[in-house]
Structure formats: structure tokens, C-alpha cells
N, C-alpha and C. Protein backbone atom coordinates (compact mmCIF):
# COMPACT_ATOMS: atom_id res chain seq x y z
N MET A 1 0.85 -1.17 0.00
CA MET A 1 0.00 0.00 0.00
C MET A 1 0.90 1.24 0.00
N PRO A 2 0.70 2.17 -0.92
CA PRO A 2 1.52 3.37 -0.97
C PRO A 2 1.26 4.27 0.24
N THR A 3 2.30 4.87 0.70
CA THR A 3 2.15 5.81 1.80
C THR A 3 2.31 7.22 1.26
N THR A 4 1.69 8.16 1.89
CA THR A 4 1.74 9.55 1.48
C THR A 4 2.59 10.32 2.48
N LEU A 5 3.49 11.10 1.95
CA LEU A 5 4.33 11.94 2.81
C LEU A 5 3.73 13.33 2.83
N ASN A 6 3.32 13.78 3.96
CA ASN A 6 2.70 15.09 4.09
C ASN A 6 3.73 16.05 4.68
N THR A 7 4.07 17.07 3.93
CA THR A 7 5.01 18.07 4.46
C THR A 7 4.22 19.32 4.82
N SER A 8 4.72 20.04 5.76
CA SER A 8 4.00 21.21 6.24
C SER A 8 4.63 22.51 5.73
N ARG A 9 5.41 22.43 4.66
CA ARG A 9 6.02 23.65 4.11
C ARG A 9 4.99 24.41 3.29
N SER A 10 4.93 25.68 3.52
CA SER A 10 3.95 26.49 2.80
C SER A 10 4.49 26.85 1.41
N ALA A 11 3.60 27.26 0.57
CA ALA A 11 3.98 27.68 -0.78
C ALA A 11 4.92 28.88 -0.71
N ALA A 12 4.71 29.76 0.25
CA ALA A 12 5.57 30.94 0.40
C ALA A 12 7.00 30.52 0.76
N ALA A 13 7.13 29.51 1.59
CA ALA A 13 8.47 29.04 1.97
C ALA A 13 9.18 28.44 0.77
N VAL A 14 8.47 27.66 -0.02
CA VAL A 14 9.07 27.05 -1.20
C VAL A 14 9.45 28.13 -2.20
N LEU A 15 8.56 29.10 -2.41
CA LEU A 15 8.85 30.20 -3.32
C LEU A 15 10.04 31.01 -2.83
N GLY A 16 10.12 31.23 -1.54
CA GLY A 16 11.25 31.96 -0.97
C GLY A 16 12.56 31.24 -1.20
N GLU A 17 12.55 29.93 -1.06
CA GLU A 17 13.77 29.15 -1.30
C GLU A 17 14.16 29.19 -2.77
N ASP A 18 13.18 29.08 -3.66
CA ASP A 18 13.46 29.15 -5.10
C ASP A 18 14.01 30.51 -5.48
N LEU A 19 13.41 31.56 -4.94
CA LEU A 19 13.88 32.91 -5.22
C LEU A 19 15.29 33.12 -4.69
N SER A 20 15.54 32.63 -3.49
CA SER A 20 16.87 32.74 -2.89
C SER A 20 17.92 32.02 -3.74
N ALA A 21 17.59 30.85 -4.22
CA ALA A 21 18.52 30.10 -5.08
C ALA A 21 18.76 30.83 -6.39
N ALA A 22 17.73 31.44 -6.95
CA ALA A 22 17.88 32.18 -8.21
C ALA A 22 18.75 33.42 -8.02
N VAL A 23 18.55 34.12 -6.92
CA VAL A 23 19.37 35.31 -6.63
C VAL A 23 20.82 34.91 -6.42
N TYR A 24 21.04 33.83 -5.68
CA TYR A 24 22.41 33.36 -5.45
C TYR A 24 23.07 32.98 -6.77
N ALA A 25 22.36 32.27 -7.63
CA ALA A 25 22.93 31.86 -8.92
C ALA A 25 23.26 33.08 -9.78
N ALA A 26 22.40 34.08 -9.77
CA ALA A 26 22.66 35.29 -10.54
C ALA A 26 23.88 36.03 -10.00
N MET A 27 23.98 36.11 -8.70
CA MET A 27 25.14 36.77 -8.09
C MET A 27 26.43 36.01 -8.42
N GLN A 28 26.38 34.69 -8.41
CA GLN A 28 27.55 33.89 -8.73
C GLN A 28 27.99 34.10 -10.18
N ARG A 29 27.02 34.22 -11.08
CA ARG A 29 27.35 34.49 -12.49
C ARG A 29 28.05 35.83 -12.64
N VAL A 30 27.59 36.84 -11.90
CA VAL A 30 28.21 38.16 -11.96
C VAL A 30 29.64 38.09 -11.41
N VAL A 31 29.82 37.41 -10.29
CA VAL A 31 31.16 37.28 -9.70
C VAL A 31 32.09 36.55 -10.67
N ASN A 32 31.61 35.46 -11.27
CA ASN A 32 32.43 34.71 -12.21
C ASN A 32 32.81 35.56 -13.42
N TYR A 33 31.86 36.32 -13.96
CA TYR A 33 32.15 37.15 -15.13
C TYR A 33 33.16 38.24 -14.78
N ARG A 34 33.01 38.86 -13.62
CA ARG A 34 33.96 39.91 -13.22
C ARG A 34 35.36 39.33 -13.03
N THR A 35 35.44 38.12 -12.48
CA THR A 35 36.73 37.46 -12.32
C THR A 35 37.34 37.16 -13.69
N TYR A 36 36.52 36.69 -14.63
CA TYR A 36 36.98 36.43 -16.00
C TYR A 36 37.52 37.71 -16.63
N ARG A 37 36.76 38.80 -16.56
CA ARG A 37 37.19 40.07 -17.17
C ARG A 37 38.48 40.58 -16.52
N ARG A 38 38.59 40.47 -15.20
CA ARG A 38 39.79 40.93 -14.51
C ARG A 38 41.00 40.11 -14.94
N THR A 39 40.81 38.79 -15.10
CA THR A 39 41.90 37.93 -15.54
C THR A 39 42.34 38.29 -16.96
N VAL A 40 41.37 38.49 -17.86
CA VAL A 40 41.69 38.89 -19.24
C VAL A 40 42.44 40.21 -19.23
N ASN A 41 41.96 41.18 -18.47
CA ASN A 41 42.60 42.50 -18.43
C ASN A 41 44.03 42.42 -17.91
N GLU A 42 44.23 41.66 -16.84
CA GLU A 42 45.57 41.57 -16.26
C GLU A 42 46.54 40.86 -17.20
N LEU A 43 46.09 39.77 -17.82
CA LEU A 43 46.98 39.08 -18.75
C LEU A 43 47.24 39.92 -20.00
N SER A 44 46.26 40.69 -20.43
CA SER A 44 46.43 41.53 -21.61
C SER A 44 47.45 42.63 -21.39
N GLN A 45 47.65 43.03 -20.17
CA GLN A 45 48.61 44.09 -19.86
C GLN A 45 50.06 43.59 -19.85
N LEU A 46 50.24 42.27 -19.85
CA LEU A 46 51.60 41.72 -19.86
C LEU A 46 52.21 41.85 -21.24
N SER A 47 53.52 41.97 -21.28
CA SER A 47 54.23 42.01 -22.57
C SER A 47 54.27 40.61 -23.17
N ALA A 48 54.60 40.56 -24.46
CA ALA A 48 54.72 39.26 -25.14
C ALA A 48 55.79 38.42 -24.47
N HIS A 49 56.85 39.06 -24.01
CA HIS A 49 57.94 38.34 -23.33
C HIS A 49 57.44 37.73 -22.01
N ASP A 50 56.69 38.52 -21.24
CA ASP A 50 56.17 38.01 -19.97
C ASP A 50 55.18 36.87 -20.19
N LEU A 51 54.34 37.00 -21.22
CA LEU A 51 53.41 35.92 -21.55
C LEU A 51 54.16 34.66 -21.95
N ALA A 52 55.23 34.84 -22.72
CA ALA A 52 56.03 33.69 -23.15
C ALA A 52 56.66 33.01 -21.93
N ASP A 53 57.07 33.80 -20.95
CA ASP A 53 57.62 33.22 -19.72
C ASP A 53 56.58 32.35 -19.01
N LEU A 54 55.31 32.69 -19.17
CA LEU A 54 54.23 31.91 -18.57
C LEU A 54 53.80 30.77 -19.49
N GLY A 55 54.40 30.69 -20.66
CA GLY A 55 54.05 29.65 -21.61
C GLY A 55 52.78 29.96 -22.38
N LEU A 56 52.47 31.24 -22.52
CA LEU A 56 51.24 31.67 -23.19
C LEU A 56 51.54 32.54 -24.40
N HIS A 57 50.63 32.52 -25.35
CA HIS A 57 50.64 33.45 -26.46
C HIS A 57 49.44 34.37 -26.26
N ARG A 58 49.53 35.56 -26.78
CA ARG A 58 48.46 36.53 -26.60
C ARG A 58 47.10 35.99 -27.06
N SER A 59 47.10 35.16 -28.07
CA SER A 59 45.85 34.61 -28.59
C SER A 59 45.20 33.62 -27.63
N GLU A 60 45.89 33.19 -26.60
CA GLU A 60 45.37 32.21 -25.64
C GLU A 60 44.76 32.85 -24.40
N ILE A 61 44.84 34.15 -24.28
CA ILE A 61 44.43 34.83 -23.05
C ILE A 61 42.98 34.54 -22.69
N ARG A 62 42.07 34.70 -23.64
CA ARG A 62 40.65 34.50 -23.33
C ARG A 62 40.36 33.05 -22.95
N ARG A 63 40.99 32.10 -23.64
CA ARG A 63 40.78 30.69 -23.33
C ARG A 63 41.28 30.36 -21.92
N VAL A 64 42.46 30.85 -21.60
CA VAL A 64 43.04 30.59 -20.27
C VAL A 64 42.17 31.22 -19.18
N ALA A 65 41.71 32.44 -19.41
CA ALA A 65 40.86 33.11 -18.42
C ALA A 65 39.56 32.33 -18.24
N HIS A 66 38.98 31.87 -19.33
CA HIS A 66 37.72 31.11 -19.25
C HIS A 66 37.92 29.81 -18.48
N GLU A 67 38.99 29.10 -18.79
CA GLU A 67 39.26 27.84 -18.10
C GLU A 67 39.55 28.07 -16.62
N THR A 68 40.19 29.17 -16.31
CA THR A 68 40.50 29.49 -14.92
C THR A 68 39.23 29.71 -14.10
N VAL A 69 38.28 30.41 -14.68
CA VAL A 69 37.06 30.75 -13.94
C VAL A 69 36.00 29.66 -14.02
N TYR A 70 35.77 29.15 -15.22
CA TYR A 70 34.64 28.24 -15.44
C TYR A 70 35.05 26.76 -15.57
N GLY A 71 36.33 26.50 -15.64
CA GLY A 71 36.78 25.12 -15.84
C GLY A 71 36.97 24.83 -17.31
N HIS A 72 37.44 23.62 -17.61
CA HIS A 72 37.71 23.24 -18.98
C HIS A 72 36.44 23.09 -19.77
N ARG A 73 36.50 23.51 -21.04
CA ARG A 73 35.37 23.33 -21.94
C ARG A 73 35.26 21.89 -22.34
N SER A 74 34.06 21.41 -22.52
CA SER A 74 33.85 20.01 -22.93
C SER A 74 33.75 19.92 -24.42
């Protein structure tokens, strides 16, 4: 015989949790994007010689910044 699980959470509580999760996710996206832009800007200010010392070419800056913030692309 199936049993029913009755929870006493109100719709407002569930909505509040969903809204809180959405706000947190939006804030995290903003933080990640700002970190990406800061990384691109800082690497772009380096000379070609300094980039070479890091094992990078100028054309790799955006890829490296993206991988640093968001992880490797699949």
C-alpha cells in the first residue's frame, strides 16, 4: 500500500527558497564574469615576453581566463 508523505512547508516558503537560489545563482554568475574580465585584463597588460615566460601566447588569453574561472570546456 503506498504511503503519502505530508510536508507542512507552505507555498511561500518554497517560493522563498526558489527565489533565494535564483538570486544566489545570478550573483555567482556576476562574480564569475567579473573574475573572468579581470583575468583577461591583467593578462592583456603583460608584454609578449612576460606571456612567453608563462608559456602563453596573446591569442590564448581568453581561453586561459575562461578555463580558470569556469573550468575546462567540454
